[in-house]
C-alpha atoms as a PDB file:
ATOM      1  CA  MET A   1      75.448 224.451 -56.529  1.00  0.00           C
ATOM      2  CA  LEU A   2      74.517 223.839 -52.906  1.00  0.00           C
ATOM      3  CA  LYS A   3      75.315 220.404 -51.537  1.00  0.00           C
ATOM      4  CA  SER A   4      71.589 219.766 -50.947  1.00  0.00           C
ATOM      5  CA  GLU A   5      70.931 220.468 -54.647  1.00  0.00           C
ATOM      6  CA  LYS A   6      73.335 217.847 -55.940  1.00  0.00           C
ATOM      7  CA  ASP A   7      71.948 215.173 -58.213  1.00  0.00           C
ATOM      8  CA  ILE A   8      72.904 212.016 -56.333  1.00  0.00           C
ATOM      9  CA  LEU A   9      72.540 208.655 -58.051  1.00  0.00           C
ATOM     10  CA  HIS A  10      71.872 205.767 -55.655  1.00  0.00           C
ATOM     11  CA  ILE A  11      73.158 202.426 -56.961  1.00  0.00           C
ATOM     12  CA  PHE A  12      72.792 198.971 -55.403  1.00  0.00           C
ATOM     13  CA  VAL A  13      75.014 196.120 -56.605  1.00  0.00           C
ATOM     14  CA  ASP A  14      74.777 192.358 -56.194  1.00  0.00           C
ATOM     15  CA  GLU A  15      75.605 189.137 -58.032  1.00  0.00           C
ATOM     16  CA  ALA A  16      73.864 185.962 -59.182  1.00  0.00           C
ATOM     17  CA  GLY A  17      75.490 182.609 -59.753  1.00  0.00           C
ATOM     18  CA  ASP A  18      79.032 182.122 -58.535  1.00  0.00           C
ATOM     19  CA  PRO A  19      82.534 182.725 -59.923  1.00  0.00           C
ATOM     20  CA  THR A  20      83.682 179.156 -59.141  1.00  0.00           C
ATOM     21  CA  LEU A  21      85.408 177.237 -61.955  1.00  0.00           C
ATOM     22  CA  PHE A  22      87.213 174.417 -60.143  1.00  0.00           C
ATOM     23  CA  ALA A  23      86.692 171.991 -57.268  1.00  0.00           C
ATOM     24  CA  ASN A  24      89.465 170.213 -55.360  1.00  0.00           C
ATOM     25  CA  ARG A  25      92.570 169.302 -57.367  1.00  0.00           C
ATOM     26  CA  ARG A  26      91.520 171.807 -60.037  1.00  0.00           C
ATOM     27  CA  ARG A  27      88.698 169.666 -61.353  1.00  0.00           C
ATOM     28  CA  ALA A  28      86.556 171.807 -63.672  1.00  0.00           C
ATOM     29  CA  ILE A  29      82.944 171.854 -62.455  1.00  0.00           C
ATOM     30  CA  VAL A  30      81.320 174.642 -64.488  1.00  0.00           C
ATOM     31  CA  GLY A  31      77.699 173.812 -65.245  1.00  0.00           C
ATOM     32  CA  THR A  32      77.618 170.751 -62.990  1.00  0.00           C
ATOM     33  CA  ASP A  33      75.090 170.332 -60.194  1.00  0.00           C
ATOM     34  CA  GLY A  34      75.665 173.076 -57.645  1.00  0.00           C
ATOM     35  CA  CYS A  35      77.880 175.197 -59.889  1.00  0.00           C
ATOM     36  CA  SER A  36      76.369 177.778 -62.227  1.00  0.00           C
ATOM     37  CA  GLN A  37      77.218 178.090 -65.917  1.00  0.00           C
ATOM     38  CA  PHE A  38      76.774 181.857 -65.834  1.00  0.00           C
ATOM     39  CA  PHE A  39      77.961 184.563 -63.476  1.00  0.00           C
ATOM     40  CA  ILE A  40      75.990 187.807 -63.397  1.00  0.00           C
ATOM     41  CA  LEU A  41      76.697 191.168 -61.798  1.00  0.00           C
ATOM     42  CA  GLY A  42      73.920 193.741 -61.691  1.00  0.00           C
ATOM     43  CA  LYS A  43      73.267 197.247 -60.458  1.00  0.00           C
ATOM     44  CA  LEU A  44      69.935 198.852 -59.654  1.00  0.00           C
ATOM     45  CA  GLU A  45      69.582 202.623 -59.790  1.00  0.00           C
ATOM     46  CA  VAL A  46      66.949 203.726 -57.268  1.00  0.00           C
ATOM     47  CA  ASP A  47      65.480 207.236 -57.257  1.00  0.00           C
ATOM     48  CA  ASP A  48      64.073 206.998 -53.726  1.00  0.00           C
ATOM     49  CA  PRO A  49      65.942 204.361 -51.678  1.00  0.00           C
ATOM     50  CA  ALA A  50      64.254 205.296 -48.403  1.00  0.00           C
ATOM     51  CA  GLY A  51      60.783 205.128 -49.932  1.00  0.00           C
ATOM     52  CA  LEU A  52      61.430 201.801 -51.665  1.00  0.00           C
ATOM     53  CA  GLY A  53      62.878 200.389 -48.458  1.00  0.00           C
ATOM     54  CA  GLN A  54      59.787 201.421 -46.502  1.00  0.00           C
ATOM     55  CA  ARG A  55      57.451 199.862 -49.068  1.00  0.00           C
ATOM     56  CA  LEU A  56      59.389 196.590 -49.095  1.00  0.00           C
ATOM     57  CA  GLU A  57      59.428 196.441 -45.314  1.00  0.00           C
ATOM     58  CA  ALA A  58      55.709 197.211 -45.130  1.00  0.00           C
ATOM     59  CA  LEU A  59      54.991 194.400 -47.592  1.00  0.00           C
ATOM     60  CA  ARG A  60      57.150 191.950 -45.660  1.00  0.00           C
ATOM     61  CA  GLN A  61      55.410 192.828 -42.410  1.00  0.00           C
ATOM     62  CA  GLN A  62      52.016 192.492 -44.081  1.00  0.00           C
ATOM     63  CA  LEU A  63      52.926 188.997 -45.286  1.00  0.00           C
ATOM     64  CA  MET A  64      54.325 188.091 -41.868  1.00  0.00           C
ATOM     65  CA  ASP A  65      50.978 188.997 -40.311  1.00  0.00           C
ATOM     66  CA  TYR A  66      48.934 187.046 -42.860  1.00  0.00           C
ATOM     67  CA  PRO A  67      47.696 183.709 -41.374  1.00  0.00           C
ATOM     68  CA  TYR A  68      48.219 181.983 -44.735  1.00  0.00           C
ATOM     69  CA  PHE A  69      51.975 181.938 -44.030  1.00  0.00           C
ATOM     70  CA  SER A  70      51.679 180.858 -40.406  1.00  0.00           C
ATOM     71  CA  GLY A  71      54.091 178.021 -39.654  1.00  0.00           C
ATOM     72  CA  VAL A  72      55.903 178.288 -42.985  1.00  0.00           C
ATOM     73  CA  PRO A  73      59.644 177.617 -42.362  1.00  0.00           C
ATOM     74  CA  SER A  74      60.876 180.638 -44.359  1.00  0.00           C
ATOM     75  CA  PHE A  75      58.738 182.864 -42.109  1.00  0.00           C
ATOM     76  CA  ASP A  76      60.480 181.557 -39.007  1.00  0.00           C
ATOM     77  CA  ALA A  77      62.766 184.357 -37.787  1.00  0.00           C
ATOM     78  CA  ALA A  78      65.267 181.817 -36.463  1.00  0.00           C
ATOM     79  CA  ARG A  79      65.945 180.635 -40.036  1.00  0.00           C
ATOM     80  CA  GLY A  80      66.916 184.121 -41.213  1.00  0.00           C
ATOM     81  CA  LYS A  81      64.998 183.993 -44.495  1.00  0.00           C
ATOM     82  CA  THR A  82      61.795 185.827 -45.478  1.00  0.00           C
ATOM     83  CA  ALA A  83      61.171 186.690 -41.830  1.00  0.00           C
ATOM     84  CA  VAL A  84      64.319 188.809 -41.936  1.00  0.00           C
ATOM     85  CA  ALA A  85      64.582 189.964 -45.558  1.00  0.00           C
ATOM     86  CA  PHE A  86      63.257 189.115 -49.005  1.00  0.00           C
ATOM     87  CA  HIS A  87      65.519 186.780 -50.959  1.00  0.00           C
ATOM     88  CA  ALA A  88      64.107 185.473 -54.231  1.00  0.00           C
ATOM     89  CA  LYS A  89      65.801 182.070 -53.992  1.00  0.00           C
ATOM     90  CA  ASP A  90      64.332 181.388 -50.547  1.00  0.00           C
ATOM     91  CA  ASP A  91      60.956 183.103 -50.858  1.00  0.00           C
ATOM     92  CA  LEU A  92      57.771 181.197 -51.649  1.00  0.00           C
ATOM     93  CA  PRO A  93      56.202 181.703 -55.112  1.00  0.00           C
ATOM     94  CA  GLU A  94      53.331 183.613 -53.492  1.00  0.00           C
ATOM     95  CA  VAL A  95      55.847 185.962 -51.874  1.00  0.00           C
ATOM     96  CA  ARG A  96      57.771 186.433 -55.119  1.00  0.00           C
ATOM     97  CA  TYR A  97      54.565 187.399 -56.876  1.00  0.00           C
ATOM     98  CA  GLU A  98      53.928 190.191 -54.367  1.00  0.00           C
ATOM     99  CA  VAL A  99      57.519 191.464 -54.465  1.00  0.00           C
ATOM    100  CA  PHE A 100      57.665 191.492 -58.261  1.00  0.00           C
ATOM    101  CA  LYS A 101      54.335 193.339 -58.334  1.00  0.00           C
ATOM    102  CA  LEU A 102      55.681 195.967 -55.932  1.00  0.00           C
ATOM    103  CA  LEU A 103      58.895 196.416 -57.923  1.00  0.00           C
ATOM    104  CA  ALA A 104      57.020 196.707 -61.222  1.00  0.00           C
ATOM    105  CA  ALA A 105      54.809 199.421 -59.702  1.00  0.00           C
ATOM    106  CA  GLU A 106      57.945 201.522 -59.084  1.00  0.00           C
ATOM    107  CA  GLY A 107      58.169 202.070 -62.843  1.00  0.00           C
ATOM    108  CA  ASN A 108      60.962 204.354 -64.041  1.00  0.00           C
ATOM    109  CA  ALA A 109      62.092 205.015 -60.475  1.00  0.00           C
ATOM    110  CA  LEU A 110      64.112 201.782 -60.861  1.00  0.00           C
ATOM    111  CA  ARG A 111      66.640 201.162 -63.648  1.00  0.00           C
ATOM    112  CA  PHE A 112      68.567 197.901 -63.882  1.00  0.00           C
ATOM    113  CA  HIS A 113      71.788 197.074 -65.724  1.00  0.00           C
ATOM    114  CA  ALA A 114      73.751 193.829 -65.737  1.00  0.00           C
ATOM    115  CA  VAL A 115      76.736 192.082 -67.262  1.00  0.00           C
ATOM    116  CA  VAL A 116      76.582 188.326 -67.874  1.00  0.00           C
ATOM    117  CA  CYS A 117      79.518 186.021 -68.530  1.00  0.00           C
ATOM    118  CA  ASP A 118      79.510 182.417 -69.719  1.00  0.00           C
ATOM    119  CA  LYS A 119      81.837 180.571 -67.342  1.00  0.00           C
ATOM    120  CA  THR A 120      82.601 177.893 -69.932  1.00  0.00           C
ATOM    121  CA  ARG A 121      84.329 180.621 -71.933  1.00  0.00           C
ATOM    122  CA  ILE A 122      86.103 181.923 -68.840  1.00  0.00           C
ATOM    123  CA  LEU A 123      87.271 178.378 -68.092  1.00  0.00           C
ATOM    124  CA  GLN A 124      88.710 178.042 -71.602  1.00  0.00           C
ATOM    125  CA  ASP A 125      90.602 181.312 -71.162  1.00  0.00           C
ATOM    126  CA  VAL A 126      91.985 180.184 -67.801  1.00  0.00           C
ATOM    127  CA  LEU A 127      93.147 176.827 -69.184  1.00  0.00           C
ATOM    128  CA  ARG A 128      94.863 178.550 -72.114  1.00  0.00           C
ATOM    129  CA  ARG A 129      96.604 180.919 -69.727  1.00  0.00           C
ATOM    130  CA  ASN A 130      97.730 177.968 -67.606  1.00  0.00           C
ATOM    131  CA  GLU A 131      99.463 176.521 -70.653  1.00  0.00           C
ATOM    132  CA  LEU A 132     101.403 179.768 -71.109  1.00  0.00           C
ATOM    133  CA  GLU A 133     101.880 180.469 -67.397  1.00  0.00           C
ATOM    134  CA  PRO A 134     102.022 177.165 -65.456  1.00  0.00           C
ATOM    135  CA  GLY A 135     102.249 179.035 -62.139  1.00  0.00           C
ATOM    136  CA  TYR A 136      99.038 180.984 -62.687  1.00  0.00           C
ATOM    137  CA  ARG A 137      96.092 180.111 -60.432  1.00  0.00           C
ATOM    138  CA  TYR A 138      92.608 181.460 -61.016  1.00  0.00           C
ATOM    139  CA  LYS A 139      91.046 183.351 -58.105  1.00  0.00           C
ATOM    140  CA  HIS A 140      87.305 184.025 -57.745  1.00  0.00           C
ATOM    141  CA  ASN A 141      87.779 187.743 -57.195  1.00  0.00           C
ATOM    142  CA  GLU A 142      89.375 188.171 -60.625  1.00  0.00           C
ATOM    143  CA  LEU A 143      86.084 187.474 -62.355  1.00  0.00           C
ATOM    144  CA  TYR A 144      84.038 189.544 -59.906  1.00  0.00           C
ATOM    145  CA  ASP A 145      86.338 192.559 -60.185  1.00  0.00           C
ATOM    146  CA  GLY A 146      86.441 192.284 -63.964  1.00  0.00           C
ATOM    147  CA  LEU A 147      82.646 192.333 -64.197  1.00  0.00           C
ATOM    148  CA  MET A 148      82.505 195.258 -61.760  1.00  0.00           C
ATOM    149  CA  ARG A 149      84.865 197.179 -64.018  1.00  0.00           C
ATOM    150  CA  SER A 150      82.767 196.321 -67.078  1.00  0.00           C
ATOM    151  CA  LEU A 151      79.480 197.227 -65.374  1.00  0.00           C
ATOM    152  CA  PHE A 152      80.624 200.643 -64.188  1.00  0.00           C
ATOM    153  CA  GLY A 153      82.623 201.519 -67.299  1.00  0.00           C
ATOM    154  CA  LYS A 154      79.497 201.934 -69.425  1.00  0.00           C
ATOM    155  CA  PHE A 155      77.695 205.140 -70.379  1.00  0.00           C
ATOM    156  CA  HIS A 156      74.685 204.975 -68.101  1.00  0.00           C
ATOM    157  CA  ARG A 157      72.983 207.780 -66.218  1.00  0.00           C
ATOM    158  CA  LEU A 158      75.251 210.634 -65.083  1.00  0.00           C
ATOM    159  CA  ALA A 159      74.975 212.543 -61.814  1.00  0.00           C
ATOM    160  CA  ASP A 160      76.885 214.980 -59.621  1.00  0.00           C
ATOM    161  CA  ALA A 161      77.655 212.281 -57.062  1.00  0.00           C
ATOM    162  CA  TYR A 162      77.250 208.517 -56.727  1.00  0.00           C
ATOM    163  CA  GLU A 163      76.218 206.507 -53.675  1.00  0.00           C
ATOM    164  CA  VAL A 164      77.107 202.873 -54.330  1.00  0.00           C
ATOM    165  CA  CYS A 165      75.980 200.103 -51.970  1.00  0.00           C
ATOM    166  CA  VAL A 166      77.517 196.707 -52.726  1.00  0.00           C
ATOM    167  CA  ALA A 167      76.270 193.435 -51.248  1.00  0.00           C
ATOM    168  CA  ARG A 168      78.827 191.798 -48.991  1.00  0.00           C
ATOM    169  CA  ARG A 169      80.388 188.619 -50.362  1.00  0.00           C
ATOM    170  CA  GLY A 170      80.957 185.946 -47.734  1.00  0.00           C
ATOM    171  CA  GLN A 171      82.946 187.103 -44.727  1.00  0.00           C
ATOM    172  CA  SER A 172      84.938 189.813 -46.509  1.00  0.00           C
ATOM    173  CA  ASP A 173      83.615 193.139 -47.750  1.00  0.00           C
ATOM    174  CA  ARG A 174      86.719 193.918 -49.901  1.00  0.00           C
ATOM    175  CA  ASN A 175      86.050 197.650 -49.767  1.00  0.00           C
ATOM    176  CA  GLU A 176      89.339 198.735 -51.305  1.00  0.00           C
ATOM    177  CA  ALA A 177      89.233 196.108 -54.065  1.00  0.00           C
ATOM    178  CA  ILE A 178      85.745 197.246 -55.059  1.00  0.00           C
ATOM    179  CA  ARG A 179      86.830 200.874 -55.070  1.00  0.00           C
ATOM    180  CA  THR A 180      89.851 199.966 -57.201  1.00  0.00           C
ATOM    181  CA  ALA A 181      87.623 198.170 -59.715  1.00  0.00           C
ATOM    182  CA  ILE A 182      85.374 201.239 -59.950  1.00  0.00           C
ATOM    183  CA  ASP A 183      88.444 203.489 -60.260  1.00  0.00           C
ATOM    184  CA  HIS A 184      89.558 201.373 -63.216  1.00  0.00           C
ATOM    185  CA  ALA A 185      86.056 201.638 -64.665  1.00  0.00           C
ATOM    186  CA  GLU A 186      86.188 205.434 -64.335  1.00  0.00           C
ATOM    187  CA  ARG A 187      89.491 205.528 -66.234  1.00  0.00           C
ATOM    188  CA  ASP A 188      87.994 203.259 -68.904  1.00  0.00           C
ATOM    189  CA  PHE A 189      85.005 205.589 -69.158  1.00  0.00           C
ATOM    190  CA  ALA A 190      87.160 208.728 -69.482  1.00  0.00           C
ATOM    191  CA  ALA A 191      89.375 207.111 -72.133  1.00  0.00           C
ATOM    192  CA  ARG A 192      86.354 205.964 -74.139  1.00  0.00           C
ATOM    193  CA  TYR A 193      84.182 209.093 -73.932  1.00  0.00           C
ATOM    194  CA  GLY A 194      86.693 211.895 -73.370  1.00  0.00           C
ATOM    195  CA  PHE A 195      85.417 213.093 -69.983  1.00  0.00           C
ATOM    196  CA  GLY A 196      85.155 211.782 -66.451  1.00  0.00           C
ATOM    197  CA  ARG A 197      82.341 211.435 -63.931  1.00  0.00           C
ATOM    198  CA  GLY A 198      84.183 213.039 -61.016  1.00  0.00           C
ATOM    199  CA  GLY A 199      86.957 212.018 -58.675  1.00  0.00           C
ATOM    200  CA  ARG A 200      86.997 209.702 -55.681  1.00  0.00           C
ATOM    201  CA  ASP A 201      85.185 212.259 -53.546  1.00  0.00           C
ATOM    202  CA  ASP A 202      82.182 212.011 -55.862  1.00  0.00           C
ATOM    203  CA  TRP A 203      81.906 208.230 -55.370  1.00  0.00           C
ATOM    204  CA  ARG A 204      80.853 207.002 -51.954  1.00  0.00           C
ATOM    205  CA  ILE A 205      81.127 203.219 -51.783  1.00  0.00           C
ATOM    206  CA  ARG A 206      79.969 201.046 -48.924  1.00  0.00           C
ATOM    207  CA  VAL A 207      79.368 197.345 -48.392  1.00  0.00           C
ATOM    208  CA  SER A 208      76.217 196.138 -46.678  1.00  0.00           C
ATOM    209  CA  THR A 209      73.710 193.290 -46.406  1.00  0.00           C
ATOM    210  CA  PRO A 210      70.087 192.888 -47.602  1.00  0.00           C
ATOM    211  CA  LYS A 211      68.937 192.880 -43.979  1.00  0.00           C
ATOM    212  CA  ASN A 212      70.443 196.328 -43.427  1.00  0.00           C
ATOM    213  CA  ASP A 213      69.701 197.773 -46.893  1.00  0.00           C
ATOM    214  CA  SER A 214      66.322 196.825 -48.295  1.00  0.00           C
ATOM    215  CA  CYS A 215      67.254 198.009 -51.788  1.00  0.00           C
ATOM    216  CA  LEU A 216      69.730 195.135 -51.968  1.00  0.00           C
ATOM    217  CA  GLN A 217      66.681 192.876 -51.683  1.00  0.00           C
ATOM    218  CA  ALA A 218      65.279 194.617 -54.766  1.00  0.00           C
ATOM    219  CA  VAL A 219      68.411 194.127 -56.882  1.00  0.00           C
ATOM    220  CA  ASP A 220      68.467 190.484 -55.748  1.00  0.00           C
ATOM    221  CA  TYR A 221      65.031 190.022 -57.324  1.00  0.00           C
ATOM    222  CA  PHE A 222      66.129 191.589 -60.603  1.00  0.00           C
ATOM    223  CA  LEU A 223      69.190 189.358 -60.693  1.00  0.00           C
ATOM    224  CA  TRP A 224      67.169 186.252 -59.853  1.00  0.00           C
ATOM    225  CA  ALA A 225      64.902 186.960 -62.831  1.00  0.00           C
ATOM    226  CA  VAL A 226      67.938 187.184 -65.119  1.00  0.00           C
ATOM    227  CA  GLN A 227      69.471 184.055 -63.612  1.00  0.00           C
ATOM    228  CA  ARG A 228      66.279 182.038 -64.136  1.00  0.00           C
ATOM    229  CA  PHE A 229      66.436 183.083 -67.781  1.00  0.00           C
ATOM    230  CA  PHE A 230      70.032 181.947 -68.305  1.00  0.00           C
ATOM    231  CA  GLU A 231      70.382 178.910 -66.064  1.00  0.00           C
ATOM    232  CA  PRO A 232      68.404 175.808 -67.127  1.00  0.00           C
ATOM    233  CA  ARG A 233      66.510 173.973 -64.398  1.00  0.00           C
ATOM    234  CA  VAL A 234      65.589 170.288 -64.532  1.00  0.00           C
ATOM    235  CA  ASP A 235      61.899 169.591 -64.051  1.00  0.00           C
ATOM    236  CA  LYS A 236      61.506 167.039 -61.242  1.00  0.00           C
ATOM    237  CA  VAL A 237      58.599 165.357 -63.000  1.00  0.00           C
ATOM    238  CA  THR A 238      59.676 165.307 -66.658  1.00  0.00           C
ATOM    239  CA  SER A 239      63.485 165.523 -66.130  1.00  0.00           C
ATOM    240  CA  VAL A 240      63.509 168.087 -68.938  1.00  0.00           C
ATOM    241  CA  ALA A 241      65.869 171.059 -68.544  1.00  0.00           C
ATOM    242  CA  LYS A 242      64.235 174.388 -69.283  1.00  0.00           C
ATOM    243  CA  ARG A 243      64.797 178.094 -68.872  1.00  0.00           C
ATOM    244  CA  GLU A 244      62.155 180.612 -67.801  1.00  0.00           C
ATOM    245  CA  GLU A 245      61.650 184.090 -69.234  1.00  0.00           C
ATOM    246  CA  ARG A 246      58.389 185.035 -67.493  1.00  0.00           C
ATOM    247  CA  PHE A 247      60.224 186.672 -64.580  1.00  0.00           C
ATOM    248  CA  LEU A 248      62.471 188.610 -66.948  1.00  0.00           C
ATOM    249  CA  LYS A 249      59.383 189.863 -68.786  1.00  0.00           C
ATOM    250  CA  VAL A 250      58.070 191.365 -65.533  1.00  0.00           C
ATOM    251  CA  ILE A 251      61.181 193.483 -64.964  1.00  0.00           C
ATOM    252  CA  TRP A 252      62.019 194.141 -68.624  1.00  0.00           C
ATOM    253  CA  PRO A 253      60.404 197.635 -68.771  1.00  0.00           C
ATOM    254  CA  GLN A 254      62.863 198.659 -66.032  1.00  0.00           C
ATOM    255  CA  VAL A 255      65.933 197.130 -67.688  1.00  0.00           C
ATOM    256  CA  GLY A 256      68.298 199.669 -69.181  1.00  0.00           C
ATOM    257  CA  GLU A 257      70.734 197.129 -70.569  1.00  0.00           C
ATOM    258  CA  ILE A 258      71.998 193.586 -70.183  1.00  0.00           C
ATOM    259  CA  HIS A 259      75.439 193.046 -71.672  1.00  0.00           C
ATOM    260  CA  ASP A 260      75.890 189.377 -72.576  1.00  0.00           C
ATOM    261  CA  LEU A 261      79.681 189.309 -72.757  1.00  0.00           C
ATOM    262  CA  HIS A 262      80.127 185.986 -74.568  1.00  0.00           C
ATOM    263  CA  PHE A 263      77.221 185.941 -76.990  1.00  0.00           C
ATOM    264  CA  GLY A 264      77.532 187.137 -80.565  1.00  0.00           C
ATOM    265  CA  PRO A 265      80.440 189.384 -81.661  1.00  0.00           C
ATOM    266  CA  ASP A 266      83.766 189.769 -79.853  1.00  0.00           C
ATOM    267  CA  ARG A 267      82.444 192.526 -77.595  1.00  0.00           C
ATOM    268  CA  GLY A 268      79.319 190.507 -76.770  1.00  0.00           C
ATOM    269  CA  THR A 269      75.709 191.555 -77.285  1.00  0.00           C
ATOM    270  CA  PHE A 270      73.851 194.441 -75.671  1.00  0.00           C
ATOM    271  CA  PHE A 271      70.212 193.627 -74.976  1.00  0.00           C
ATOM    272  CA  ASN A 272      67.935 196.605 -74.335  1.00  0.00           C
ATOM    273  CA  GLY A 273      64.640 198.167 -75.373  1.00  0.00           C
ATOM    274  CA  GLN A 274      65.654 198.094 -79.027  1.00  0.00           C
ATOM    275  CA  GLN A 275      66.961 194.516 -78.856  1.00  0.00           C
ATOM    276  CA  PRO A 276      64.993 192.561 -76.226  1.00  0.00           C
ATOM    277  CA  LEU A 277      66.482 189.497 -74.577  1.00  0.00           C
ATOM    278  CA  THR A 278      64.342 186.454 -75.385  1.00  0.00           C
ATOM    279  CA  LEU A 279      64.878 182.709 -75.235  1.00  0.00           C
ATOM    280  CA  GLU A 280      64.448 182.479 -78.984  1.00  0.00           C
ATOM    281  CA  VAL A 281      67.157 185.064 -79.668  1.00  0.00           C
ATOM    282  CA  ARG A 282      69.616 183.914 -76.991  1.00  0.00           C
ATOM    283  CA  PHE A 283      69.184 180.138 -76.997  1.00  0.00           C
ATOM    284  CA  GLY A 284      67.190 179.431 -80.168  1.00  0.00           C
ATOM    285  CA  GLU A 285      64.247 178.135 -78.165  1.00  0.00           C
ATOM    286  CA  GLN A 286      61.011 178.293 -80.140  1.00  0.00           C
ATOM    287  CA  LYS A 287      57.741 179.010 -78.379  1.00  0.00           C
ATOM    288  CA  ARG A 288      55.433 176.035 -78.209  1.00  0.00           C
ATOM    289  CA  LYS A 289      52.280 176.471 -80.225  1.00  0.00           C
ATOM    290  CA  LYS A 290      49.000 175.577 -78.594  1.00  0.00           C
ATOM    291  CA  PRO A 291      47.317 172.540 -80.156  1.00  0.00           C
END
């Protein structure tokens, strides 16, 4: 097969929430204000990265030129938000609507997979380990690398080669650590299914930013939708904590699988087209009936 004929799978990886468990003096802060209860790692398979990037950039420029957003802080280039790149957390609701509409129109050209961990369970495991190993200290990268290994160890789409773009975390890109996690995932895959997906030469891994890779903006939106489903938000008016599934419903046709690691049986629960992820199933929340 000629190199130009290779089936190359383009994958973009990012996270939602944070892997933090402790504050100063090892005070547990999971689920408190400013610290998420869940940590999520997701990957978006994109058939045409260049095309998607062009469409996202065209939309952003169109919104920048629209007088409706004139003077809006997030459209100020100096602030480095929507004026530079889409970021669901920072974007206005009107902007999110347009981005979600664009992503939904991509249809099967986008396929999303994620792994979700409940940090209260991770915290329990860490505290138990501390009892057995007093010198052990939890490090954020342990959780990230473990989820990376879980995410890439699953039987998803196969290809001749894989181009993986991972969102940079903080000031360090951790190239080799990410490659090691994927190497472990490849060994897990081969042990589980009896064949491999190629050697290191078939996996090209790079670390980038949403500003430089527009498809990272797309995976950020998918992750934000999942995060809004899992993380409760307190209504400023009613003070009632609630979760939202409307954003997840928008992307659900493009979701291949969400592996909820700490829900249900020991291996967790796999939500997909056959078993949709809903608030009623995951959190026992009943839909309110109209009067």
